[in-house]
C-alpha cells in the first residue's frame, strides 16, 4: 500500500476507494442546507414558520438544515423551494476528473 496514491488526485483516490458518490452527496447537501439557511435569514423566516409553511414538523426542518444528513427527497427540496418563493433547478453536469475547473469551464454553468 506504500505509495499507492502518490501523484494521484483526491478525486481519483475517492473513486478508487468507492467514496466519490458519498463525498459528492455530502458536499451537495452542505451547499443546499447553507442556501436554505441563507434564504430563511434573508426573508426572516424561523424554523417553526418554515415547518408550518411546508406542513412538516420542526424536527423535519432541523434534518433538512443539517448539513450531515443527506437523506432528503426531491419532493422535500421542491417543497422548501416553493415555501421560500424559489424554484428548484436540477441538472446533470459533465463529470470532471479534477474538482478545479479549467479556464474554459469557468464561464459555464456549474
PDB file of N, CA and C in Angstrom:
ATOM      1  N   UNK A   1       0.819  -1.189   0.000  1.00  0.00           N
ATOM      2  CA  UNK A   1       0.000   0.000   0.000  1.00  0.00           C
ATOM      3  C   UNK A   1       0.863   1.252   0.000  1.00  0.00           C
ATOM      4  N   UNK A   2       2.130   1.121   0.291  1.00  0.00           N
ATOM      5  CA  UNK A   2       3.019   2.266   0.341  1.00  0.00           C
ATOM      6  C   UNK A   2       3.114   2.935  -1.029  1.00  0.00           C
ATOM      7  N   UNK A   3       2.832   4.244  -1.072  1.00  0.00           N
ATOM      8  CA  UNK A   3       2.935   4.997  -2.318  1.00  0.00           C
ATOM      9  C   UNK A   3       1.808   4.762  -3.293  1.00  0.00           C
ATOM     10  N   UNK A   4       0.737   4.102  -2.874  1.00  0.00           N
ATOM     11  CA  UNK A   4      -0.358   3.758  -3.779  1.00  0.00           C
ATOM     12  C   UNK A   4      -0.978   4.988  -4.433  1.00  0.00           C
ATOM     13  N   UNK A   5      -1.144   6.063  -3.670  1.00  0.00           N
ATOM     14  CA  UNK A   5      -1.846   7.233  -4.184  1.00  0.00           C
ATOM     15  C   UNK A   5      -0.919   8.417  -4.474  1.00  0.00           C
ATOM     16  N   UNK A   6       0.383   8.186  -4.482  1.00  0.00           N
ATOM     17  CA  UNK A   6       1.308   9.282  -4.766  1.00  0.00           C
ATOM     18  C   UNK A   6       1.101   9.743  -6.201  1.00  0.00           C
ATOM     19  N   UNK A   7       0.900  11.055  -6.342  1.00  0.00           N
ATOM     20  CA  UNK A   7       0.736  11.640  -7.672  1.00  0.00           C
ATOM     21  C   UNK A   7      -0.693  11.619  -8.185  1.00  0.00           C
ATOM     22  N   UNK A   8      -1.602  10.940  -7.503  1.00  0.00           N
ATOM     23  CA  UNK A   8      -2.982  10.918  -7.967  1.00  0.00           C
ATOM     24  C   UNK A   8      -3.755  12.053  -7.300  1.00  0.00           C
ATOM     25  N   UNK A   9      -4.877  12.407  -7.894  1.00  0.00           N
ATOM     26  CA  UNK A   9      -5.700  13.476  -7.330  1.00  0.00           C
ATOM     27  C   UNK A   9      -6.580  12.918  -6.221  1.00  0.00           C
ATOM     28  N   UNK A  10      -7.115  13.816  -5.430  1.00  0.00           N
ATOM     29  CA  UNK A  10      -8.023  13.406  -4.369  1.00  0.00           C
ATOM     30  C   UNK A  10      -9.268  12.761  -4.965  1.00  0.00           C
ATOM     31  N   UNK A  11      -9.741  13.296  -6.093  1.00  0.00           N
ATOM     32  CA  UNK A  11     -10.897  12.698  -6.778  1.00  0.00           C
ATOM     33  C   UNK A  11     -10.592  11.259  -7.178  1.00  0.00           C
ATOM     34  N   UNK A  12      -9.400  11.020  -7.701  1.00  0.00           N
ATOM     35  CA  UNK A  12      -9.022   9.659  -8.082  1.00  0.00           C
ATOM     36  C   UNK A  12      -9.011   8.743  -6.869  1.00  0.00           C
ATOM     37  N   UNK A  13      -8.486   9.250  -5.756  1.00  0.00           N
ATOM     38  CA  UNK A  13      -8.477   8.465  -4.519  1.00  0.00           C
ATOM     39  C   UNK A  13      -9.898   8.096  -4.113  1.00  0.00           C
ATOM     40  N   UNK A  14     -10.811   9.089  -4.121  1.00  0.00           N
ATOM     41  CA  UNK A  14     -12.193   8.819  -3.730  1.00  0.00           C
ATOM     42  C   UNK A  14     -12.837   7.792  -4.658  1.00  0.00           C
ATOM     43  N   UNK A  15     -12.561   7.904  -5.953  1.00  0.00           N
ATOM     44  CA  UNK A  15     -13.113   6.938  -6.907  1.00  0.00           C
ATOM     45  C   UNK A  15     -12.562   5.545  -6.650  1.00  0.00           C
ATOM     46  N   UNK A  16     -11.252   5.439  -6.461  1.00  0.00           N
ATOM     47  CA  UNK A  16     -10.633   4.134  -6.231  1.00  0.00           C
ATOM     48  C   UNK A  16     -11.157   3.471  -4.963  1.00  0.00           C
ATOM     49  N   UNK A  17     -11.457   4.268  -3.953  1.00  0.00           N
ATOM     50  CA  UNK A  17     -11.935   3.738  -2.687  1.00  0.00           C
ATOM     51  C   UNK A  17     -13.455   3.588  -2.649  1.00  0.00           C
ATOM     52  N   UNK A  18     -14.132   3.974  -3.743  1.00  0.00           N
ATOM     53  CA  UNK A  18     -15.587   3.867  -3.805  1.00  0.00           C
ATOM     54  C   UNK A  18     -16.314   4.881  -2.944  1.00  0.00           C
ATOM     55  N   UNK A  19     -15.688   6.024  -2.716  1.00  0.00           N
ATOM     56  CA  UNK A  19     -16.245   7.039  -1.831  1.00  0.00           C
ATOM     57  C   UNK A  19     -16.709   8.306  -2.550  1.00  0.00           C
ATOM     58  N   UNK A  20     -16.567   8.356  -3.866  1.00  0.00           N
ATOM     59  CA  UNK A  20     -16.860   9.578  -4.601  1.00  0.00           C
ATOM     60  C   UNK A  20     -18.327   9.998  -4.469  1.00  0.00           C
ATOM     61  N   UNK A  21     -19.256   9.089  -4.670  1.00  0.00           N
ATOM     62  CA  UNK A  21     -20.680   9.447  -4.609  1.00  0.00           C
ATOM     63  C   UNK A  21     -21.049   9.969  -3.228  1.00  0.00           C
ATOM     64  N   UNK A  22     -20.550   9.326  -2.190  1.00  0.00           N
ATOM     65  CA  UNK A  22     -20.843   9.771  -0.827  1.00  0.00           C
ATOM     66  C   UNK A  22     -20.264  11.157  -0.558  1.00  0.00           C
ATOM     67  N   UNK A  23     -19.058  11.398  -1.010  1.00  0.00           N
ATOM     68  CA  UNK A  23     -18.424  12.711  -0.813  1.00  0.00           C
ATOM     69  C   UNK A  23     -19.176  13.802  -1.567  1.00  0.00           C
ATOM     70  N   UNK A  24     -19.571  13.508  -2.794  1.00  0.00           N
ATOM     71  CA  UNK A  24     -20.305  14.498  -3.586  1.00  0.00           C
ATOM     72  C   UNK A  24     -21.678  14.771  -2.970  1.00  0.00           C
ATOM     73  N   UNK A  25     -22.344  13.737  -2.486  1.00  0.00           N
ATOM     74  CA  UNK A  25     -23.652  13.900  -1.854  1.00  0.00           C
ATOM     75  C   UNK A  25     -23.540  14.758  -0.596  1.00  0.00           C
ATOM     76  N   UNK A  26     -22.537  14.495   0.204  1.00  0.00           N
ATOM     77  CA  UNK A  26     -22.320  15.273   1.425  1.00  0.00           C
ATOM     78  C   UNK A  26     -22.048  16.733   1.096  1.00  0.00           C
ATOM     79  N   UNK A  27     -21.211  16.973   0.102  1.00  0.00           N
ATOM     80  CA  UNK A  27     -20.895  18.351  -0.290  1.00  0.00           C
ATOM     81  C   UNK A  27     -22.139  19.071  -0.813  1.00  0.00           C
ATOM     82  N   UNK A  28     -22.907  18.389  -1.625  1.00  0.00           N
ATOM     83  CA  UNK A  28     -24.122  18.988  -2.174  1.00  0.00           C
ATOM     84  C   UNK A  28     -25.122  19.307  -1.066  1.00  0.00           C
ATOM     85  N   UNK A  29     -25.298  18.402  -0.118  1.00  0.00           N
ATOM     86  CA  UNK A  29     -26.235  18.645   0.979  1.00  0.00           C
ATOM     87  C   UNK A  29     -25.791  19.832   1.819  1.00  0.00           C
ATOM     88  N   UNK A  30     -24.495  19.974   2.028  1.00  0.00           N
ATOM     89  CA  UNK A  30     -23.989  21.126   2.782  1.00  0.00           C
ATOM     90  C   UNK A  30     -24.314  22.428   2.065  1.00  0.00           C
ATOM     91  N   UNK A  31     -24.148  22.438   0.772  1.00  0.00           N
ATOM     92  CA  UNK A  31     -24.457  23.636  -0.009  1.00  0.00           C
ATOM     93  C   UNK A  31     -25.949  23.944   0.064  1.00  0.00           C
ATOM     94  N   UNK A  32     -26.783  22.929  -0.110  1.00  0.00           N
ATOM     95  CA  UNK A  32     -28.231  23.135  -0.055  1.00  0.00           C
ATOM     96  C   UNK A  32     -28.673  23.635   1.315  1.00  0.00           C
ATOM     97  N   UNK A  33     -28.166  23.033   2.369  1.00  0.00           N
ATOM     98  CA  UNK A  33     -28.530  23.468   3.724  1.00  0.00           C
ATOM     99  C   UNK A  33     -28.113  24.920   3.943  1.00  0.00           C
ATOM    100  N   UNK A  34     -26.934  25.272   3.470  1.00  0.00           N
ATOM    101  CA  UNK A  34     -26.448  26.653   3.596  1.00  0.00           C
ATOM    102  C   UNK A  34     -27.347  27.618   2.829  1.00  0.00           C
ATOM    103  N   UNK A  35     -27.712  27.262   1.600  1.00  0.00           N
ATOM    104  CA  UNK A  35     -28.564  28.133   0.791  1.00  0.00           C
ATOM    105  C   UNK A  35     -29.943  28.313   1.427  1.00  0.00           C
ATOM    106  N   UNK A  36     -30.496  27.250   1.972  1.00  0.00           N
ATOM    107  CA  UNK A  36     -31.809  27.344   2.619  1.00  0.00           C
ATOM    108  C   UNK A  36     -31.717  28.252   3.850  1.00  0.00           C
ATOM    109  N   UNK A  37     -30.687  28.058   4.666  1.00  0.00           N
ATOM    110  CA  UNK A  37     -30.500  28.899   5.850  1.00  0.00           C
ATOM    111  C   UNK A  37     -30.339  30.366   5.460  1.00  0.00           C
ATOM    112  N   UNK A  38     -29.558  30.623   4.429  1.00  0.00           N
ATOM    113  CA  UNK A  38     -29.340  31.999   3.974  1.00  0.00           C
ATOM    114  C   UNK A  38     -30.656  32.636   3.532  1.00  0.00           C
ATOM    115  N   UNK A  39     -31.453  31.887   2.787  1.00  0.00           N
ATOM    116  CA  UNK A  39     -32.738  32.409   2.303  1.00  0.00           C
ATOM    117  C   UNK A  39     -33.703  32.628   3.471  1.00  0.00           C
ATOM    118  N   UNK A  40     -33.684  31.739   4.434  1.00  0.00           N
ATOM    119  CA  UNK A  40     -34.526  31.920   5.610  1.00  0.00           C
ATOM    120  C   UNK A  40     -34.139  33.200   6.353  1.00  0.00           C
ATOM    121  N   UNK A  41     -32.851  33.429   6.518  1.00  0.00           N
ATOM    122  CA  UNK A  41     -32.390  34.648   7.193  1.00  0.00           C
ATOM    123  C   UNK A  41     -32.774  35.888   6.397  1.00  0.00           C
ATOM    124  N   UNK A  42     -32.582  35.825   5.092  1.00  0.00           N
ATOM    125  CA  UNK A  42     -32.911  36.960   4.222  1.00  0.00           C
ATOM    126  C   UNK A  42     -34.389  37.321   4.327  1.00  0.00           C
ATOM    127  N   UNK A  43     -35.242  36.302   4.387  1.00  0.00           N
ATOM    128  CA  UNK A  43     -36.689  36.529   4.450  1.00  0.00           C
ATOM    129  C   UNK A  43     -37.223  36.564   5.882  1.00  0.00           C
ATOM    130  N   UNK A  44     -36.309  36.458   6.860  1.00  0.00           N
ATOM    131  CA  UNK A  44     -36.687  36.484   8.277  1.00  0.00           C
ATOM    132  C   UNK A  44     -37.732  35.405   8.605  1.00  0.00           C
ATOM    133  N   UNK A  45     -37.443  34.177   8.151  1.00  0.00           N
ATOM    134  CA  UNK A  45     -38.325  33.032   8.377  1.00  0.00           C
ATOM    135  C   UNK A  45     -37.671  32.121   9.406  1.00  0.00           C
ATOM    136  N   UNK A  46     -38.380  31.822  10.470  1.00  0.00           N
ATOM    137  CA  UNK A  46     -37.864  30.921  11.502  1.00  0.00           C
ATOM    138  C   UNK A  46     -38.057  29.463  11.075  1.00  0.00           C
ATOM    139  N   UNK A  47     -37.417  28.571  11.791  1.00  0.00           N
ATOM    140  CA  UNK A  47     -37.595  27.135  11.524  1.00  0.00           C
ATOM    141  C   UNK A  47     -39.048  26.732  11.750  1.00  0.00           C
ATOM    142  N   UNK A  48     -39.650  27.271  12.807  1.00  0.00           N
ATOM    143  CA  UNK A  48     -41.046  26.959  13.112  1.00  0.00           C
ATOM    144  C   UNK A  48     -41.968  27.447  12.007  1.00  0.00           C
ATOM    145  N   UNK A  49     -41.716  28.655  11.522  1.00  0.00           N
ATOM    146  CA  UNK A  49     -42.534  29.209  10.441  1.00  0.00           C
ATOM    147  C   UNK A  49     -42.362  28.399   9.160  1.00  0.00           C
ATOM    148  N   UNK A  50     -41.127  28.007   8.855  1.00  0.00           N
ATOM    149  CA  UNK A  50     -40.886  27.196   7.654  1.00  0.00           C
ATOM    150  C   UNK A  50     -41.599  25.854   7.770  1.00  0.00           C
ATOM    151  N   UNK A  51     -41.557  25.262   8.951  1.00  0.00           N
ATOM    152  CA  UNK A  51     -42.246  23.988   9.163  1.00  0.00           C
ATOM    153  C   UNK A  51     -43.738  24.132   8.893  1.00  0.00           C
ATOM    154  N   UNK A  52     -44.335  25.211   9.375  1.00  0.00           N
ATOM    155  CA  UNK A  52     -45.763  25.448   9.133  1.00  0.00           C
ATOM    156  C   UNK A  52     -46.039  25.661   7.650  1.00  0.00           C
ATOM    157  N   UNK A  53     -45.173  26.419   6.981  1.00  0.00           N
ATOM    158  CA  UNK A  53     -45.348  26.671   5.548  1.00  0.00           C
ATOM    159  C   UNK A  53     -45.256  25.387   4.734  1.00  0.00           C
ATOM    160  N   UNK A  54     -44.386  24.484   5.161  1.00  0.00           N
ATOM    161  CA  UNK A  54     -44.174  23.229   4.441  1.00  0.00           C
ATOM    162  C   UNK A  54     -45.092  22.113   4.929  1.00  0.00           C
ATOM    163  N   UNK A  55     -45.827  22.371   6.032  1.00  0.00           N
ATOM    164  CA  UNK A  55     -46.698  21.370   6.644  1.00  0.00           C
ATOM    165  C   UNK A  55     -45.924  20.123   7.060  1.00  0.00           C
ATOM    166  N   UNK A  56     -44.784  20.387   7.720  1.00  0.00           N
ATOM    167  CA  UNK A  56     -43.947  19.321   8.267  1.00  0.00           C
ATOM    168  C   UNK A  56     -43.593  19.692   9.702  1.00  0.00           C
ATOM    169  N   UNK A  57     -42.972  18.785  10.406  1.00  0.00           N
ATOM    170  CA  UNK A  57     -42.597  19.043  11.793  1.00  0.00           C
ATOM    171  C   UNK A  57     -41.333  19.899  11.858  1.00  0.00           C
ATOM    172  N   UNK A  58     -41.156  20.517  13.003  1.00  0.00           N
ATOM    173  CA  UNK A  58     -39.946  21.316  13.235  1.00  0.00           C
ATOM    174  C   UNK A  58     -38.712  20.421  13.179  1.00  0.00           C
ATOM    175  N   UNK A  59     -38.820  19.197  13.676  1.00  0.00           N
ATOM    176  CA  UNK A  59     -37.678  18.281  13.638  1.00  0.00           C
ATOM    177  C   UNK A  59     -37.320  17.904  12.192  1.00  0.00           C
ATOM    178  N   UNK A  60     -38.313  17.868  11.311  1.00  0.00           N
ATOM    179  CA  UNK A  60     -38.039  17.613   9.890  1.00  0.00           C
ATOM    180  C   UNK A  60     -37.263  18.771   9.277  1.00  0.00           C
ATOM    181  N   UNK A  61     -37.588  19.986   9.692  1.00  0.00           N
ATOM    182  CA  UNK A  61     -36.830  21.160   9.220  1.00  0.00           C
ATOM    183  C   UNK A  61     -35.395  21.072   9.739  1.00  0.00           C
ATOM    184  N   UNK A  62     -35.232  20.673  10.990  1.00  0.00           N
ATOM    185  CA  UNK A  62     -33.883  20.510  11.531  1.00  0.00           C
ATOM    186  C   UNK A  62     -33.075  19.509  10.712  1.00  0.00           C
ATOM    187  N   UNK A  63     -33.695  18.398  10.325  1.00  0.00           N
ATOM    188  CA  UNK A  63     -33.000  17.408   9.488  1.00  0.00           C
ATOM    189  C   UNK A  63     -32.673  17.993   8.118  1.00  0.00           C
ATOM    190  N   UNK A  64     -33.595  18.764   7.570  1.00  0.00           N
ATOM    191  CA  UNK A  64     -33.369  19.408   6.274  1.00  0.00           C
ATOM    192  C   UNK A  64     -32.176  20.357   6.340  1.00  0.00           C
ATOM    193  N   UNK A  65     -32.029  21.055   7.441  1.00  0.00           N
ATOM    194  CA  UNK A  65     -30.957  22.035   7.593  1.00  0.00           C
ATOM    195  C   UNK A  65     -29.661  21.442   8.133  1.00  0.00           C
ATOM    196  N   UNK A  66     -29.682  20.164   8.478  1.00  0.00           N
ATOM    197  CA  UNK A  66     -28.478  19.503   8.979  1.00  0.00           C
ATOM    198  C   UNK A  66     -27.586  19.133   7.800  1.00  0.00           C
ATOM    199  N   UNK A  67     -26.427  19.782   7.676  1.00  0.00           N
ATOM    200  CA  UNK A  67     -25.561  19.503   6.526  1.00  0.00           C
ATOM    201  C   UNK A  67     -25.040  18.070   6.481  1.00  0.00           C
ATOM    202  N   UNK A  68     -25.080  17.365   7.597  1.00  0.00           N
ATOM    203  CA  UNK A  68     -24.576  15.994   7.650  1.00  0.00           C
ATOM    204  C   UNK A  68     -25.650  14.970   7.301  1.00  0.00           C
ATOM    205  N   UNK A  69     -26.896  15.388   7.272  1.00  0.00           N
ATOM    206  CA  UNK A  69     -28.000  14.471   6.979  1.00  0.00           C
ATOM    207  C   UNK A  69     -28.318  14.551   5.488  1.00  0.00           C
ATOM    208  N   UNK A  70     -27.903  13.538   4.750  1.00  0.00           N
ATOM    209  CA  UNK A  70     -28.073  13.573   3.290  1.00  0.00           C
ATOM    210  C   UNK A  70     -29.345  12.879   2.831  1.00  0.00           C
ATOM    211  N   UNK A  71     -30.197  12.446   3.751  1.00  0.00           N
ATOM    212  CA  UNK A  71     -31.421  11.741   3.366  1.00  0.00           C
ATOM    213  C   UNK A  71     -32.567  12.739   3.171  1.00  0.00           C
ATOM    214  N   UNK A  72     -32.500  13.469   2.098  1.00  0.00           N
ATOM    215  CA  UNK A  72     -33.540  14.433   1.754  1.00  0.00           C
ATOM    216  C   UNK A  72     -34.095  14.039   0.381  1.00  0.00           C
ATOM    217  N   UNK A  73     -35.404  14.146   0.223  1.00  0.00           N
ATOM    218  CA  UNK A  73     -36.020  13.750  -1.042  1.00  0.00           C
ATOM    219  C   UNK A  73     -36.169  14.951  -1.965  1.00  0.00           C
ATOM    220  N   UNK A  74     -36.357  14.663  -3.236  1.00  0.00           N
ATOM    221  CA  UNK A  74     -36.615  15.735  -4.198  1.00  0.00           C
ATOM    222  C   UNK A  74     -37.912  16.461  -3.866  1.00  0.00           C
ATOM    223  N   UNK A  75     -38.900  15.720  -3.387  1.00  0.00           N
ATOM    224  CA  UNK A  75     -40.163  16.341  -3.010  1.00  0.00           C
ATOM    225  C   UNK A  75     -39.961  17.350  -1.880  1.00  0.00           C
ATOM    226  N   UNK A  76     -39.152  16.995  -0.897  1.00  0.00           N
ATOM    227  CA  UNK A  76     -38.866  17.920   0.202  1.00  0.00           C
ATOM    228  C   UNK A  76     -38.133  19.152  -0.302  1.00  0.00           C
ATOM    229  N   UNK A  77     -37.166  18.960  -1.195  1.00  0.00           N
ATOM    230  CA  UNK A  77     -36.443  20.097  -1.763  1.00  0.00           C
ATOM    231  C   UNK A  77     -37.381  21.003  -2.561  1.00  0.00           C
ATOM    232  N   UNK A  78     -38.290  20.394  -3.313  1.00  0.00           N
ATOM    233  CA  UNK A  78     -39.265  21.183  -4.068  1.00  0.00           C
ATOM    234  C   UNK A  78     -40.176  21.952  -3.117  1.00  0.00           C
ATOM    235  N   UNK A  79     -40.611  21.297  -2.044  1.00  0.00           N
ATOM    236  CA  UNK A  79     -41.492  21.950  -1.070  1.00  0.00           C
ATOM    237  C   UNK A  79     -40.810  23.121  -0.379  1.00  0.00           C
ATOM    238  N   UNK A  80     -39.543  22.964  -0.014  1.00  0.00           N
ATOM    239  CA  UNK A  80     -38.847  24.080   0.632  1.00  0.00           C
ATOM    240  C   UNK A  80     -38.618  25.209  -0.362  1.00  0.00           C
ATOM    241  N   UNK A  81     -38.360  24.880  -1.609  1.00  0.00           N
ATOM    242  CA  UNK A  81     -38.191  25.915  -2.627  1.00  0.00           C
ATOM    243  C   UNK A  81     -39.473  26.730  -2.775  1.00  0.00           C
ATOM    244  N   UNK A  82     -40.603  26.063  -2.881  1.00  0.00           N
ATOM    245  CA  UNK A  82     -41.897  26.743  -3.010  1.00  0.00           C
ATOM    246  C   UNK A  82     -42.169  27.594  -1.769  1.00  0.00           C
ATOM    247  N   UNK A  83     -41.910  27.042  -0.581  1.00  0.00           N
ATOM    248  CA  UNK A  83     -42.147  27.779   0.659  1.00  0.00           C
ATOM    249  C   UNK A  83     -41.318  29.061   0.716  1.00  0.00           C
ATOM    250  N   UNK A  84     -40.132  29.028   0.115  1.00  0.00           N
ATOM    251  CA  UNK A  84     -39.255  30.195   0.117  1.00  0.00           C
ATOM    252  C   UNK A  84     -39.443  31.070  -1.118  1.00  0.00           C
ATOM    253  N   UNK A  85     -40.421  30.725  -1.952  1.00  0.00           N
ATOM    254  CA  UNK A  85     -40.681  31.521  -3.152  1.00  0.00           C
ATOM    255  C   UNK A  85     -39.629  31.336  -4.235  1.00  0.00           C
ATOM    256  N   UNK A  86     -39.050  30.165  -4.272  1.00  0.00           N
ATOM    257  CA  UNK A  86     -37.987  29.852  -5.241  1.00  0.00           C
ATOM    258  C   UNK A  86     -38.397  28.679  -6.106  1.00  0.00           C
ATOM    259  N   UNK A  87     -37.581  28.425  -7.123  1.00  0.00           N
ATOM    260  CA  UNK A  87     -37.731  27.234  -7.961  1.00  0.00           C
ATOM    261  C   UNK A  87     -36.551  26.325  -7.723  1.00  0.00           C
ATOM    262  N   UNK A  88     -36.805  25.044  -7.665  1.00  0.00           N
ATOM    263  CA  UNK A  88     -35.730  24.070  -7.570  1.00  0.00           C
ATOM    264  C   UNK A  88     -35.257  23.773  -8.984  1.00  0.00           C
ATOM    265  N   UNK A  89     -33.964  23.880  -9.194  1.00  0.00           N
ATOM    266  CA  UNK A  89     -33.402  23.619 -10.522  1.00  0.00           C
ATOM    267  C   UNK A  89     -32.303  22.573 -10.377  1.00  0.00           C
ATOM    268  N   UNK A  90     -32.519  21.424 -10.997  1.00  0.00           N
ATOM    269  CA  UNK A  90     -31.532  20.349 -11.008  1.00  0.00           C
ATOM    270  C   UNK A  90     -31.105  20.104 -12.439  1.00  0.00           C
ATOM    271  N   UNK A  91     -29.848  19.766 -12.604  1.00  0.00           N
ATOM    272  CA  UNK A  91     -29.387  19.419 -13.946  1.00  0.00           C
ATOM    273  C   UNK A  91     -28.180  18.510 -13.839  1.00  0.00           C
ATOM    274  N   UNK A  92     -28.003  17.688 -14.852  1.00  0.00           N
ATOM    275  CA  UNK A  92     -26.820  16.857 -14.923  1.00  0.00           C
ATOM    276  C   UNK A  92     -25.694  17.707 -15.487  1.00  0.00           C
ATOM    277  N   UNK A  93     -24.494  17.460 -14.993  1.00  0.00           N
ATOM    278  CA  UNK A  93     -23.322  18.184 -15.477  1.00  0.00           C
ATOM    279  C   UNK A  93     -22.283  17.159 -15.915  1.00  0.00           C
ATOM    280  N   UNK A  94     -21.384  17.603 -16.752  1.00  0.00           N
ATOM    281  CA  UNK A  94     -20.308  16.719 -17.179  1.00  0.00           C
ATOM    282  C   UNK A  94     -19.428  16.397 -15.988  1.00  0.00           C
ATOM    283  N   UNK A  95     -19.003  15.156 -15.913  1.00  0.00           N
ATOM    284  CA  UNK A  95     -18.104  14.726 -14.854  1.00  0.00           C
ATOM    285  C   UNK A  95     -16.706  15.213 -15.178  1.00  0.00           C
ATOM    286  N   UNK A  96     -16.065  15.821 -14.201  1.00  0.00           N
ATOM    287  CA  UNK A  96     -14.699  16.300 -14.381  1.00  0.00           C
ATOM    288  C   UNK A  96     -13.752  15.416 -13.587  1.00  0.00           C
ATOM    289  N   UNK A  97     -12.597  15.176 -14.130  1.00  0.00           N
ATOM    290  CA  UNK A  97     -11.585  14.399 -13.418  1.00  0.00           C
ATOM    291  C   UNK A  97     -11.006  15.201 -12.260  1.00  0.00           C
ATOM    292  N   UNK A  98     -11.000  16.503 -12.386  1.00  0.00           N
ATOM    293  CA  UNK A  98     -10.459  17.356 -11.343  1.00  0.00           C
ATOM    294  C   UNK A  98     -11.573  18.197 -10.751  1.00  0.00           C
ATOM    295  N   UNK A  99     -11.493  18.477  -9.461  1.00  0.00           N
ATOM    296  CA  UNK A  99     -12.513  19.319  -8.852  1.00  0.00           C
ATOM    297  C   UNK A  99     -12.253  20.788  -9.117  1.00  0.00           C
ATOM    298  N   UNK A 100     -11.146  21.123  -9.770  1.00  0.00           N
ATOM    299  CA  UNK A 100     -10.838  22.504 -10.109  1.00  0.00           C
ATOM    300  C   UNK A 100     -11.188  22.744 -11.567  1.00  0.00           C
ATOM    301  N   UNK A 101     -12.076  23.729 -11.839  1.00  0.00           N
ATOM    302  CA  UNK A 101     -12.491  23.973 -13.219  1.00  0.00           C
ATOM    303  C   UNK A 101     -11.340  24.461 -14.084  1.00  0.00           C
ATOM    304  N   UNK A 102     -11.371  24.021 -15.319  1.00  0.00           N
ATOM    305  CA  UNK A 102     -10.411  24.510 -16.288  1.00  0.00           C
ATOM    306  C   UNK A 102     -10.839  25.905 -16.729  1.00  0.00           C
ATOM    307  N   UNK A 103      -9.918  26.744 -17.207  1.00  0.00           N
ATOM    308  CA  UNK A 103     -10.302  28.113 -17.587  1.00  0.00           C
ATOM    309  C   UNK A 103     -11.472  28.180 -18.551  1.00  0.00           C
ATOM    310  N   UNK A 104     -11.573  27.244 -19.485  1.00  0.00           N
ATOM    311  CA  UNK A 104     -12.673  27.251 -20.449  1.00  0.00           C
ATOM    312  C   UNK A 104     -14.003  26.879 -19.798  1.00  0.00           C
ATOM    313  N   UNK A 105     -13.990  26.216 -18.643  1.00  0.00           N
ATOM    314  CA  UNK A 105     -15.206  25.798 -17.963  1.00  0.00           C
ATOM    315  C   UNK A 105     -15.722  26.836 -16.985  1.00  0.00           C
ATOM    316  N   UNK A 106     -14.907  27.816 -16.631  1.00  0.00           N
ATOM    317  CA  UNK A 106     -15.293  28.771 -15.611  1.00  0.00           C
ATOM    318  C   UNK A 106     -16.435  29.671 -16.050  1.00  0.00           C
ATOM    319  N   UNK A 107     -16.610  29.876 -17.332  1.00  0.00           N
ATOM    320  CA  UNK A 107     -17.665  30.760 -17.825  1.00  0.00           C
ATOM    321  C   UNK A 107     -19.018  30.062 -17.881  1.00  0.00           C
ATOM    322  N   UNK A 108     -19.032  28.730 -17.849  1.00  0.00           N
ATOM    323  CA  UNK A 108     -20.293  27.986 -17.993  1.00  0.00           C
ATOM    324  C   UNK A 108     -21.018  27.809 -16.684  1.00  0.00           C
ATOM    325  N   UNK A 109     -22.177  27.161 -16.760  1.00  0.00           N
ATOM    326  CA  UNK A 109     -22.965  26.864 -15.562  1.00  0.00           C
ATOM    327  C   UNK A 109     -22.277  25.805 -14.734  1.00  0.00           C
ATOM    328  N   UNK A 110     -22.375  25.943 -13.449  1.00  0.00           N
ATOM    329  CA  UNK A 110     -21.821  24.941 -12.540  1.00  0.00           C
ATOM    330  C   UNK A 110     -22.942  24.398 -11.706  1.00  0.00           C
TER     331      UNK A 110
END
